[in-house]
């Protein structure tokens, strides 16, 4: 039996969506409160209805087929519309509810937007937050295909499919512990970077770090790299312990700069600005929970000039 308007079962699509996102029937079982055999049967029924294979099954779990990946994108859109319709018809005057899916960086969720998020959760007790961490390009793709509701990222390029609202300006600074003798330097040339013990952050992850690589990569490749990590928290702790110097967003070390544990060194006349933006799908009505989170976030930050 082929799928049609008359026999499209949204319950099957919901089951498919959870299994696809978690890559595990056992994990989906705990979320959907269904037995594993029941979930397997629903996936089988859906594949039979559409006449297409949705998953490749391996010992390491389930993996979407190429068609399954496209089918998941459309499923997200359909279920989102279903939720919007239910909200419009039955809960037009109710408070926001459900899970808000946010794509961002671990440090941004921990340091930058945490106060706004905490305030938001106090106001709207029927909403929960789910953070997704990945490279910017993957997060943006997930917004476009409705896998995420919104994102908080830096230096997002213009995109006709995205609504990008900039709300906070910061900068990358070259920081060092005041325990080290080099901290007495107020400024250096780019060539002087060769002489520093360097705490390295792999440049592939954040768009703003491409600027660091472009301007200073030649010198940083010759410096002694004592730590390489994708964790800004690790970089910060190594800074405080006096293990070296690194480029780091200023908002992460504001308190440490104020209490004199860290200092910054200017490199020539170079400035490395970064700007955070709230990103959502363009030409789409935001779910109430997403709109309220956006409003709460913007109250915490002045509009960039």
C-alpha atoms as a PDB file:
ATOM      1  CA  UNK A   1       0.000   0.000   0.000  1.00  0.00           C
ATOM      2  CA  UNK A   2       1.543   3.272  -1.101  1.00  0.00           C
ATOM      3  CA  UNK A   3       1.347   6.330   1.102  1.00  0.00           C
ATOM      4  CA  UNK A   4      -1.362   8.877   0.276  1.00  0.00           C
ATOM      5  CA  UNK A   5      -3.180  11.804   1.830  1.00  0.00           C
ATOM      6  CA  UNK A   6      -5.784   9.431   3.212  1.00  0.00           C
ATOM      7  CA  UNK A   7      -3.453   7.010   4.994  1.00  0.00           C
ATOM      8  CA  UNK A   8      -0.554   9.221   6.109  1.00  0.00           C
ATOM      9  CA  UNK A   9      -0.094   8.395   9.806  1.00  0.00           C
ATOM     10  CA  UNK A  10       1.571  11.202  11.719  1.00  0.00           C
ATOM     11  CA  UNK A  11       2.281   8.841  14.623  1.00  0.00           C
ATOM     12  CA  UNK A  12       4.540   6.828  12.320  1.00  0.00           C
ATOM     13  CA  UNK A  13       6.324  10.013  11.307  1.00  0.00           C
ATOM     14  CA  UNK A  14       6.838  11.017  14.932  1.00  0.00           C
ATOM     15  CA  UNK A  15       8.352   7.616  15.672  1.00  0.00           C
ATOM     16  CA  UNK A  16      10.575   7.851  12.596  1.00  0.00           C
ATOM     17  CA  UNK A  17      11.765  11.336  13.585  1.00  0.00           C
ATOM     18  CA  UNK A  18      12.862  10.276  17.076  1.00  0.00           C
ATOM     19  CA  UNK A  19      14.619   7.121  15.855  1.00  0.00           C
ATOM     20  CA  UNK A  20      16.372   9.095  13.098  1.00  0.00           C
ATOM     21  CA  UNK A  21      17.579  11.796  15.473  1.00  0.00           C
ATOM     22  CA  UNK A  22      18.798   9.369  18.154  1.00  0.00           C
ATOM     23  CA  UNK A  23      20.078   6.658  15.813  1.00  0.00           C
ATOM     24  CA  UNK A  24      18.866   4.055  18.264  1.00  0.00           C
ATOM     25  CA  UNK A  25      15.592   2.176  18.738  1.00  0.00           C
ATOM     26  CA  UNK A  26      16.386   1.549  22.420  1.00  0.00           C
ATOM     27  CA  UNK A  27      16.961   5.266  23.037  1.00  0.00           C
ATOM     28  CA  UNK A  28      13.766   6.125  21.131  1.00  0.00           C
ATOM     29  CA  UNK A  29      11.901   3.553  23.234  1.00  0.00           C
ATOM     30  CA  UNK A  30      12.676   5.440  26.437  1.00  0.00           C
ATOM     31  CA  UNK A  31      11.568   8.730  24.900  1.00  0.00           C
ATOM     32  CA  UNK A  32       8.361   7.513  23.256  1.00  0.00           C
ATOM     33  CA  UNK A  33       7.441   5.087  26.076  1.00  0.00           C
ATOM     34  CA  UNK A  34       6.941   2.273  23.579  1.00  0.00           C
ATOM     35  CA  UNK A  35       8.560  -1.132  23.505  1.00  0.00           C
ATOM     36  CA  UNK A  36      11.440  -1.691  21.093  1.00  0.00           C
ATOM     37  CA  UNK A  37       9.451  -4.255  19.056  1.00  0.00           C
ATOM     38  CA  UNK A  38       6.591  -1.749  18.740  1.00  0.00           C
ATOM     39  CA  UNK A  39       8.952   0.915  17.429  1.00  0.00           C
ATOM     40  CA  UNK A  40      10.571  -1.501  14.989  1.00  0.00           C
ATOM     41  CA  UNK A  41       7.101  -2.423  13.731  1.00  0.00           C
ATOM     42  CA  UNK A  42       6.167   1.229  13.206  1.00  0.00           C
ATOM     43  CA  UNK A  43       9.331   1.886  11.213  1.00  0.00           C
ATOM     44  CA  UNK A  44       8.639  -1.224   9.135  1.00  0.00           C
ATOM     45  CA  UNK A  45       5.055  -0.085   8.470  1.00  0.00           C
ATOM     46  CA  UNK A  46       6.255   3.348   7.368  1.00  0.00           C
ATOM     47  CA  UNK A  47       8.866   1.873   5.007  1.00  0.00           C
ATOM     48  CA  UNK A  48       6.204  -0.410   3.551  1.00  0.00           C
ATOM     49  CA  UNK A  49       3.792   2.470   3.045  1.00  0.00           C
ATOM     50  CA  UNK A  50       6.252   4.668   1.210  1.00  0.00           C
ATOM     51  CA  UNK A  51       7.946   1.805  -0.611  1.00  0.00           C
ATOM     52  CA  UNK A  52      11.393   3.132   0.312  1.00  0.00           C
ATOM     53  CA  UNK A  53      14.142   2.090   2.694  1.00  0.00           C
ATOM     54  CA  UNK A  54      14.720   4.728   5.405  1.00  0.00           C
ATOM     55  CA  UNK A  55      17.547   3.171   7.418  1.00  0.00           C
ATOM     56  CA  UNK A  56      20.656   1.127   6.890  1.00  0.00           C
ATOM     57  CA  UNK A  57      21.076  -1.181   9.872  1.00  0.00           C
ATOM     58  CA  UNK A  58      24.542  -1.859  11.300  1.00  0.00           C
ATOM     59  CA  UNK A  59      25.968  -3.219  14.536  1.00  0.00           C
ATOM     60  CA  UNK A  60      26.790   0.349  15.527  1.00  0.00           C
ATOM     61  CA  UNK A  61      23.183   1.459  15.145  1.00  0.00           C
ATOM     62  CA  UNK A  62      20.801   2.842  12.548  1.00  0.00           C
ATOM     63  CA  UNK A  63      21.908   5.216   9.817  1.00  0.00           C
ATOM     64  CA  UNK A  64      19.629   7.127   7.503  1.00  0.00           C
ATOM     65  CA  UNK A  65      19.723   6.255   3.827  1.00  0.00           C
ATOM     66  CA  UNK A  66      20.092   9.121   1.375  1.00  0.00           C
ATOM     67  CA  UNK A  67      16.339   9.064   0.834  1.00  0.00           C
ATOM     68  CA  UNK A  68      15.777   8.783   4.593  1.00  0.00           C
ATOM     69  CA  UNK A  69      17.723  11.979   5.168  1.00  0.00           C
ATOM     70  CA  UNK A  70      15.530  13.854   2.677  1.00  0.00           C
ATOM     71  CA  UNK A  71      12.411  12.263   4.171  1.00  0.00           C
ATOM     72  CA  UNK A  72      13.461  13.425   7.656  1.00  0.00           C
ATOM     73  CA  UNK A  73      13.744  17.020   6.461  1.00  0.00           C
ATOM     74  CA  UNK A  74      10.164  16.967   5.156  1.00  0.00           C
ATOM     75  CA  UNK A  75       8.969  15.153   8.298  1.00  0.00           C
ATOM     76  CA  UNK A  76      10.329  17.946  10.493  1.00  0.00           C
ATOM     77  CA  UNK A  77       8.481  20.516   8.433  1.00  0.00           C
ATOM     78  CA  UNK A  78       5.207  18.599   8.531  1.00  0.00           C
ATOM     79  CA  UNK A  79       5.306  17.938  12.280  1.00  0.00           C
ATOM     80  CA  UNK A  80       6.235  21.562  12.955  1.00  0.00           C
ATOM     81  CA  UNK A  81       3.194  22.693  10.960  1.00  0.00           C
ATOM     82  CA  UNK A  82       1.058  20.203  12.866  1.00  0.00           C
ATOM     83  CA  UNK A  83       2.258  21.661  16.182  1.00  0.00           C
ATOM     84  CA  UNK A  84       1.613  25.192  14.963  1.00  0.00           C
ATOM     85  CA  UNK A  85      -1.928  24.278  13.906  1.00  0.00           C
ATOM     86  CA  UNK A  86      -2.666  22.658  17.251  1.00  0.00           C
ATOM     87  CA  UNK A  87      -1.304  25.720  19.017  1.00  0.00           C
ATOM     88  CA  UNK A  88      -3.378  28.054  16.864  1.00  0.00           C
ATOM     89  CA  UNK A  89      -6.645  26.166  17.269  1.00  0.00           C
ATOM     90  CA  UNK A  90      -6.483  24.891  20.830  1.00  0.00           C
ATOM     91  CA  UNK A  91      -3.928  26.966  22.720  1.00  0.00           C
ATOM     92  CA  UNK A  92      -3.920  30.419  21.146  1.00  0.00           C
ATOM     93  CA  UNK A  93      -4.013  32.099  24.579  1.00  0.00           C
ATOM     94  CA  UNK A  94      -1.843  29.603  26.450  1.00  0.00           C
ATOM     95  CA  UNK A  95       1.715  29.961  27.634  1.00  0.00           C
ATOM     96  CA  UNK A  96       4.573  28.610  25.460  1.00  0.00           C
ATOM     97  CA  UNK A  97       5.305  24.928  25.956  1.00  0.00           C
ATOM     98  CA  UNK A  98       7.412  22.112  24.537  1.00  0.00           C
ATOM     99  CA  UNK A  99      11.122  21.762  23.854  1.00  0.00           C
ATOM    100  CA  UNK A 100      13.084  24.663  22.379  1.00  0.00           C
ATOM    101  CA  UNK A 101      15.969  23.374  20.228  1.00  0.00           C
ATOM    102  CA  UNK A 102      18.936  25.782  20.124  1.00  0.00           C
ATOM    103  CA  UNK A 103      22.134  25.408  18.107  1.00  0.00           C
ATOM    104  CA  UNK A 104      25.160  27.182  19.552  1.00  0.00           C
ATOM    105  CA  UNK A 105      28.649  26.780  21.074  1.00  0.00           C
ATOM    106  CA  UNK A 106      29.251  25.153  24.462  1.00  0.00           C
ATOM    107  CA  UNK A 107      30.861  28.322  25.789  1.00  0.00           C
ATOM    108  CA  UNK A 108      28.050  30.539  24.529  1.00  0.00           C
ATOM    109  CA  UNK A 109      25.428  28.411  26.269  1.00  0.00           C
ATOM    110  CA  UNK A 110      27.499  28.348  29.481  1.00  0.00           C
ATOM    111  CA  UNK A 111      28.740  31.914  29.680  1.00  0.00           C
ATOM    112  CA  UNK A 112      26.888  34.230  27.312  1.00  0.00           C
ATOM    113  CA  UNK A 113      23.248  33.215  27.122  1.00  0.00           C
ATOM    114  CA  UNK A 114      22.904  31.263  30.393  1.00  0.00           C
ATOM    115  CA  UNK A 115      21.505  34.251  32.382  1.00  0.00           C
ATOM    116  CA  UNK A 116      18.909  34.947  29.698  1.00  0.00           C
ATOM    117  CA  UNK A 117      18.057  31.230  29.469  1.00  0.00           C
ATOM    118  CA  UNK A 118      17.609  30.959  33.238  1.00  0.00           C
ATOM    119  CA  UNK A 119      15.297  33.967  33.263  1.00  0.00           C
ATOM    120  CA  UNK A 120      13.344  32.525  30.344  1.00  0.00           C
ATOM    121  CA  UNK A 121      12.814  29.191  32.122  1.00  0.00           C
ATOM    122  CA  UNK A 122      11.591  30.967  35.253  1.00  0.00           C
ATOM    123  CA  UNK A 123       8.982  32.813  33.192  1.00  0.00           C
ATOM    124  CA  UNK A 124       7.834  29.890  31.039  1.00  0.00           C
ATOM    125  CA  UNK A 125       7.699  26.762  33.155  1.00  0.00           C
ATOM    126  CA  UNK A 126       6.206  24.565  30.429  1.00  0.00           C
ATOM    127  CA  UNK A 127       9.266  24.971  28.162  1.00  0.00           C
ATOM    128  CA  UNK A 128      12.530  23.025  28.238  1.00  0.00           C
ATOM    129  CA  UNK A 129      15.779  23.770  26.398  1.00  0.00           C
ATOM    130  CA  UNK A 130      17.842  21.415  24.263  1.00  0.00           C
ATOM    131  CA  UNK A 131      21.287  22.544  23.043  1.00  0.00           C
ATOM    132  CA  UNK A 132      23.006  21.203  19.940  1.00  0.00           C
ATOM    133  CA  UNK A 133      26.740  21.833  19.490  1.00  0.00           C
ATOM    134  CA  UNK A 134      28.365  21.545  16.089  1.00  0.00           C
ATOM    135  CA  UNK A 135      30.171  23.476  13.402  1.00  0.00           C
ATOM    136  CA  UNK A 136      28.264  26.567  12.319  1.00  0.00           C
ATOM    137  CA  UNK A 137      27.514  25.261   8.828  1.00  0.00           C
ATOM    138  CA  UNK A 138      25.810  22.142  10.204  1.00  0.00           C
ATOM    139  CA  UNK A 139      23.761  24.116  12.715  1.00  0.00           C
ATOM    140  CA  UNK A 140      22.584  26.479   9.968  1.00  0.00           C
ATOM    141  CA  UNK A 141      21.575  23.525   7.802  1.00  0.00           C
ATOM    142  CA  UNK A 142      19.553  22.110  10.700  1.00  0.00           C
ATOM    143  CA  UNK A 143      17.641  25.379  11.027  1.00  0.00           C
ATOM    144  CA  UNK A 144      16.853  25.351   7.314  1.00  0.00           C
ATOM    145  CA  UNK A 145      15.383  21.841   7.480  1.00  0.00           C
ATOM    146  CA  UNK A 146      13.532  22.485  10.785  1.00  0.00           C
ATOM    147  CA  UNK A 147      15.699  20.228  12.957  1.00  0.00           C
ATOM    148  CA  UNK A 148      16.505  23.235  15.171  1.00  0.00           C
ATOM    149  CA  UNK A 149      14.276  26.155  16.164  1.00  0.00           C
ATOM    150  CA  UNK A 150      17.003  28.783  16.356  1.00  0.00           C
ATOM    151  CA  UNK A 151      20.721  29.347  16.893  1.00  0.00           C
ATOM    152  CA  UNK A 152      23.129  31.708  18.621  1.00  0.00           C
ATOM    153  CA  UNK A 153      26.352  31.909  16.599  1.00  0.00           C
ATOM    154  CA  UNK A 154      29.057  34.356  15.537  1.00  0.00           C
ATOM    155  CA  UNK A 155      29.947  35.765  12.132  1.00  0.00           C
ATOM    156  CA  UNK A 156      27.140  34.140  10.188  1.00  0.00           C
ATOM    157  CA  UNK A 157      27.245  34.885   6.445  1.00  0.00           C
ATOM    158  CA  UNK A 158      24.153  36.313   4.737  1.00  0.00           C
ATOM    159  CA  UNK A 159      21.720  33.632   3.604  1.00  0.00           C
ATOM    160  CA  UNK A 160      18.396  34.094   1.827  1.00  0.00           C
ATOM    161  CA  UNK A 161      16.894  31.240   3.853  1.00  0.00           C
ATOM    162  CA  UNK A 162      17.865  32.619   7.277  1.00  0.00           C
ATOM    163  CA  UNK A 163      16.796  35.549   9.419  1.00  0.00           C
ATOM    164  CA  UNK A 164      19.946  36.870  11.118  1.00  0.00           C
ATOM    165  CA  UNK A 165      19.647  39.380  13.979  1.00  0.00           C
ATOM    166  CA  UNK A 166      22.889  40.596  15.548  1.00  0.00           C
ATOM    167  CA  UNK A 167      22.612  41.365  19.237  1.00  0.00           C
ATOM    168  CA  UNK A 168      26.049  41.304  20.905  1.00  0.00           C
ATOM    169  CA  UNK A 169      29.525  42.537  19.933  1.00  0.00           C
ATOM    170  CA  UNK A 170      32.686  41.093  21.394  1.00  0.00           C
ATOM    171  CA  UNK A 171      36.280  40.513  20.285  1.00  0.00           C
ATOM    172  CA  UNK A 172      39.001  37.912  20.288  1.00  0.00           C
ATOM    173  CA  UNK A 173      41.877  39.007  22.512  1.00  0.00           C
ATOM    174  CA  UNK A 174      45.372  37.592  22.985  1.00  0.00           C
ATOM    175  CA  UNK A 175      45.344  36.683  26.676  1.00  0.00           C
ATOM    176  CA  UNK A 176      47.995  35.538  29.123  1.00  0.00           C
ATOM    177  CA  UNK A 177      48.316  34.932  32.864  1.00  0.00           C
ATOM    178  CA  UNK A 178      49.706  37.775  34.950  1.00  0.00           C
ATOM    179  CA  UNK A 179      51.969  35.108  36.511  1.00  0.00           C
ATOM    180  CA  UNK A 180      54.074  35.146  33.360  1.00  0.00           C
ATOM    181  CA  UNK A 181      56.706  37.792  32.674  1.00  0.00           C
ATOM    182  CA  UNK A 182      55.344  38.361  29.145  1.00  0.00           C
ATOM    183  CA  UNK A 183      52.142  39.768  30.663  1.00  0.00           C
ATOM    184  CA  UNK A 184      53.951  43.052  31.316  1.00  0.00           C
ATOM    185  CA  UNK A 185      54.038  43.643  27.564  1.00  0.00           C
ATOM    186  CA  UNK A 186      51.289  45.975  26.374  1.00  0.00           C
ATOM    187  CA  UNK A 187      51.762  45.307  22.680  1.00  0.00           C
ATOM    188  CA  UNK A 188      53.837  43.144  20.356  1.00  0.00           C
ATOM    189  CA  UNK A 189      54.260  42.628  16.626  1.00  0.00           C
ATOM    190  CA  UNK A 190      52.813  39.623  14.831  1.00  0.00           C
ATOM    191  CA  UNK A 191      56.333  38.231  14.432  1.00  0.00           C
ATOM    192  CA  UNK A 192      56.715  38.153  18.235  1.00  0.00           C
ATOM    193  CA  UNK A 193      54.059  35.426  18.471  1.00  0.00           C
ATOM    194  CA  UNK A 194      56.784  32.936  17.573  1.00  0.00           C
ATOM    195  CA  UNK A 195      58.310  33.421  21.020  1.00  0.00           C
ATOM    196  CA  UNK A 196      55.162  32.563  23.012  1.00  0.00           C
ATOM    197  CA  UNK A 197      54.085  29.210  24.415  1.00  0.00           C
ATOM    198  CA  UNK A 198      50.784  28.853  22.570  1.00  0.00           C
ATOM    199  CA  UNK A 199      47.494  27.303  23.681  1.00  0.00           C
ATOM    200  CA  UNK A 200      45.862  26.305  20.417  1.00  0.00           C
ATOM    201  CA  UNK A 201      42.205  26.080  19.468  1.00  0.00           C
ATOM    202  CA  UNK A 202      41.665  24.133  16.215  1.00  0.00           C
ATOM    203  CA  UNK A 203      40.665  26.771  13.702  1.00  0.00           C
ATOM    204  CA  UNK A 204      38.207  24.649  11.757  1.00  0.00           C
ATOM    205  CA  UNK A 205      35.345  25.052  14.211  1.00  0.00           C
ATOM    206  CA  UNK A 206      34.428  28.744  14.420  1.00  0.00           C
ATOM    207  CA  UNK A 207      34.206  31.140  11.512  1.00  0.00           C
ATOM    208  CA  UNK A 208      35.877  33.954  13.470  1.00  0.00           C
ATOM    209  CA  UNK A 209      39.029  31.862  13.876  1.00  0.00           C
ATOM    210  CA  UNK A 210      39.652  31.911  10.158  1.00  0.00           C
ATOM    211  CA  UNK A 211      40.744  35.509  10.682  1.00  0.00           C
ATOM    212  CA  UNK A 212      43.333  34.390  13.242  1.00  0.00           C
ATOM    213  CA  UNK A 213      44.681  31.806  10.815  1.00  0.00           C
ATOM    214  CA  UNK A 214      44.763  34.284   7.924  1.00  0.00           C
ATOM    215  CA  UNK A 215      46.593  37.009   9.847  1.00  0.00           C
ATOM    216  CA  UNK A 216      48.795  35.088  12.236  1.00  0.00           C
ATOM    217  CA  UNK A 217      48.955  31.466  11.057  1.00  0.00           C
ATOM    218  CA  UNK A 218      52.467  31.830   9.644  1.00  0.00           C
ATOM    219  CA  UNK A 219      53.842  32.836  13.047  1.00  0.00           C
ATOM    220  CA  UNK A 220      51.672  30.573  15.196  1.00  0.00           C
ATOM    221  CA  UNK A 221      52.842  27.529  13.231  1.00  0.00           C
ATOM    222  CA  UNK A 222      56.399  28.344  14.393  1.00  0.00           C
ATOM    223  CA  UNK A 223      55.521  28.901  18.040  1.00  0.00           C
ATOM    224  CA  UNK A 224      55.682  26.162  20.671  1.00  0.00           C
ATOM    225  CA  UNK A 225      52.166  24.752  20.958  1.00  0.00           C
ATOM    226  CA  UNK A 226      51.863  23.373  24.475  1.00  0.00           C
ATOM    227  CA  UNK A 227      48.126  22.532  24.414  1.00  0.00           C
ATOM    228  CA  UNK A 228      45.673  21.961  21.588  1.00  0.00           C
ATOM    229  CA  UNK A 229      42.007  21.595  22.492  1.00  0.00           C
ATOM    230  CA  UNK A 230      38.519  22.310  21.167  1.00  0.00           C
ATOM    231  CA  UNK A 231      37.387  23.303  24.672  1.00  0.00           C
ATOM    232  CA  UNK A 232      37.495  26.980  25.553  1.00  0.00           C
ATOM    233  CA  UNK A 233      37.080  26.005  29.219  1.00  0.00           C
ATOM    234  CA  UNK A 234      40.318  24.025  28.978  1.00  0.00           C
ATOM    235  CA  UNK A 235      42.078  26.974  27.335  1.00  0.00           C
ATOM    236  CA  UNK A 236      40.835  29.264  30.074  1.00  0.00           C
ATOM    237  CA  UNK A 237      42.041  26.988  32.854  1.00  0.00           C
ATOM    238  CA  UNK A 238      45.454  26.575  31.218  1.00  0.00           C
ATOM    239  CA  UNK A 239      45.684  30.362  30.896  1.00  0.00           C
ATOM    240  CA  UNK A 240      44.967  30.763  34.608  1.00  0.00           C
ATOM    241  CA  UNK A 241      47.630  28.177  35.422  1.00  0.00           C
ATOM    242  CA  UNK A 242      50.200  30.118  33.425  1.00  0.00           C
ATOM    243  CA  UNK A 243      50.763  27.468  30.770  1.00  0.00           C
ATOM    244  CA  UNK A 244      50.813  29.824  27.812  1.00  0.00           C
ATOM    245  CA  UNK A 245      48.891  32.443  25.830  1.00  0.00           C
ATOM    246  CA  UNK A 246      45.992  32.186  23.400  1.00  0.00           C
ATOM    247  CA  UNK A 247      43.302  33.986  21.417  1.00  0.00           C
ATOM    248  CA  UNK A 248      40.009  33.801  23.279  1.00  0.00           C
ATOM    249  CA  UNK A 249      36.666  35.667  23.243  1.00  0.00           C
ATOM    250  CA  UNK A 250      36.816  38.488  25.750  1.00  0.00           C
ATOM    251  CA  UNK A 251      33.415  37.705  27.280  1.00  0.00           C
ATOM    252  CA  UNK A 252      34.820  34.399  28.581  1.00  0.00           C
ATOM    253  CA  UNK A 253      37.494  36.046  30.700  1.00  0.00           C
ATOM    254  CA  UNK A 254      35.897  39.362  31.737  1.00  0.00           C
ATOM    255  CA  UNK A 255      36.015  38.576  35.479  1.00  0.00           C
ATOM    256  CA  UNK A 256      39.604  37.305  35.273  1.00  0.00           C
ATOM    257  CA  UNK A 257      40.684  40.500  33.515  1.00  0.00           C
ATOM    258  CA  UNK A 258      38.934  42.584  36.161  1.00  0.00           C
ATOM    259  CA  UNK A 259      40.471  40.742  39.112  1.00  0.00           C
ATOM    260  CA  UNK A 260      43.959  40.850  37.597  1.00  0.00           C
ATOM    261  CA  UNK A 261      44.471  37.120  37.037  1.00  0.00           C
ATOM    262  CA  UNK A 262      44.731  37.570  33.276  1.00  0.00           C
ATOM    263  CA  UNK A 263      45.823  40.380  31.000  1.00  0.00           C
ATOM    264  CA  UNK A 264      45.723  41.007  27.257  1.00  0.00           C
ATOM    265  CA  UNK A 265      48.462  41.942  24.819  1.00  0.00           C
ATOM    266  CA  UNK A 266      47.699  44.007  21.739  1.00  0.00           C
ATOM    267  CA  UNK A 267      49.158  42.676  18.493  1.00  0.00           C
ATOM    268  CA  UNK A 268      50.073  45.681  16.363  1.00  0.00           C
ATOM    269  CA  UNK A 269      46.944  47.553  15.301  1.00  0.00           C
ATOM    270  CA  UNK A 270      44.951  44.390  14.687  1.00  0.00           C
ATOM    271  CA  UNK A 271      41.411  44.095  16.034  1.00  0.00           C
ATOM    272  CA  UNK A 272      39.522  40.819  15.891  1.00  0.00           C
ATOM    273  CA  UNK A 273      35.829  41.669  16.383  1.00  0.00           C
ATOM    274  CA  UNK A 274      33.195  38.976  16.687  1.00  0.00           C
ATOM    275  CA  UNK A 275      29.447  39.497  16.711  1.00  0.00           C
ATOM    276  CA  UNK A 276      26.783  37.140  18.018  1.00  0.00           C
ATOM    277  CA  UNK A 277      23.513  36.741  16.179  1.00  0.00           C
ATOM    278  CA  UNK A 278      20.153  35.103  16.776  1.00  0.00           C
ATOM    279  CA  UNK A 279      19.332  32.988  13.727  1.00  0.00           C
ATOM    280  CA  UNK A 280      15.984  31.533  12.720  1.00  0.00           C
ATOM    281  CA  UNK A 281      14.303  30.250   9.571  1.00  0.00           C
ATOM    282  CA  UNK A 282      13.321  33.093   7.238  1.00  0.00           C
ATOM    283  CA  UNK A 283       9.708  33.676   6.170  1.00  0.00           C
ATOM    284  CA  UNK A 284       8.445  31.295   8.844  1.00  0.00           C
ATOM    285  CA  UNK A 285       6.221  32.061  11.814  1.00  0.00           C
ATOM    286  CA  UNK A 286       8.274  31.286  14.891  1.00  0.00           C
ATOM    287  CA  UNK A 287       6.726  28.947  17.472  1.00  0.00           C
ATOM    288  CA  UNK A 288       5.639  30.892  20.516  1.00  0.00           C
ATOM    289  CA  UNK A 289       8.420  29.412  22.670  1.00  0.00           C
ATOM    290  CA  UNK A 290      11.061  30.514  20.137  1.00  0.00           C
ATOM    291  CA  UNK A 291       9.676  34.030  19.899  1.00  0.00           C
ATOM    292  CA  UNK A 292       9.562  34.412  23.689  1.00  0.00           C
ATOM    293  CA  UNK A 293      13.147  33.159  24.010  1.00  0.00           C
ATOM    294  CA  UNK A 294      14.243  35.670  21.364  1.00  0.00           C
ATOM    295  CA  UNK A 295      12.529  38.504  23.266  1.00  0.00           C
ATOM    296  CA  UNK A 296      14.120  37.434  26.556  1.00  0.00           C
ATOM    297  CA  UNK A 297      17.578  37.175  24.976  1.00  0.00           C
ATOM    298  CA  UNK A 298      17.400  40.622  23.393  1.00  0.00           C
ATOM    299  CA  UNK A 299      16.420  42.221  26.712  1.00  0.00           C
ATOM    300  CA  UNK A 300      19.763  41.113  28.152  1.00  0.00           C
ATOM    301  CA  UNK A 301      21.894  42.754  25.487  1.00  0.00           C
ATOM    302  CA  UNK A 302      21.938  46.266  24.026  1.00  0.00           C
ATOM    303  CA  UNK A 303      21.463  46.509  20.300  1.00  0.00           C
ATOM    304  CA  UNK A 304      24.913  46.696  18.613  1.00  0.00           C
ATOM    305  CA  UNK A 305      25.752  50.061  17.126  1.00  0.00           C
END
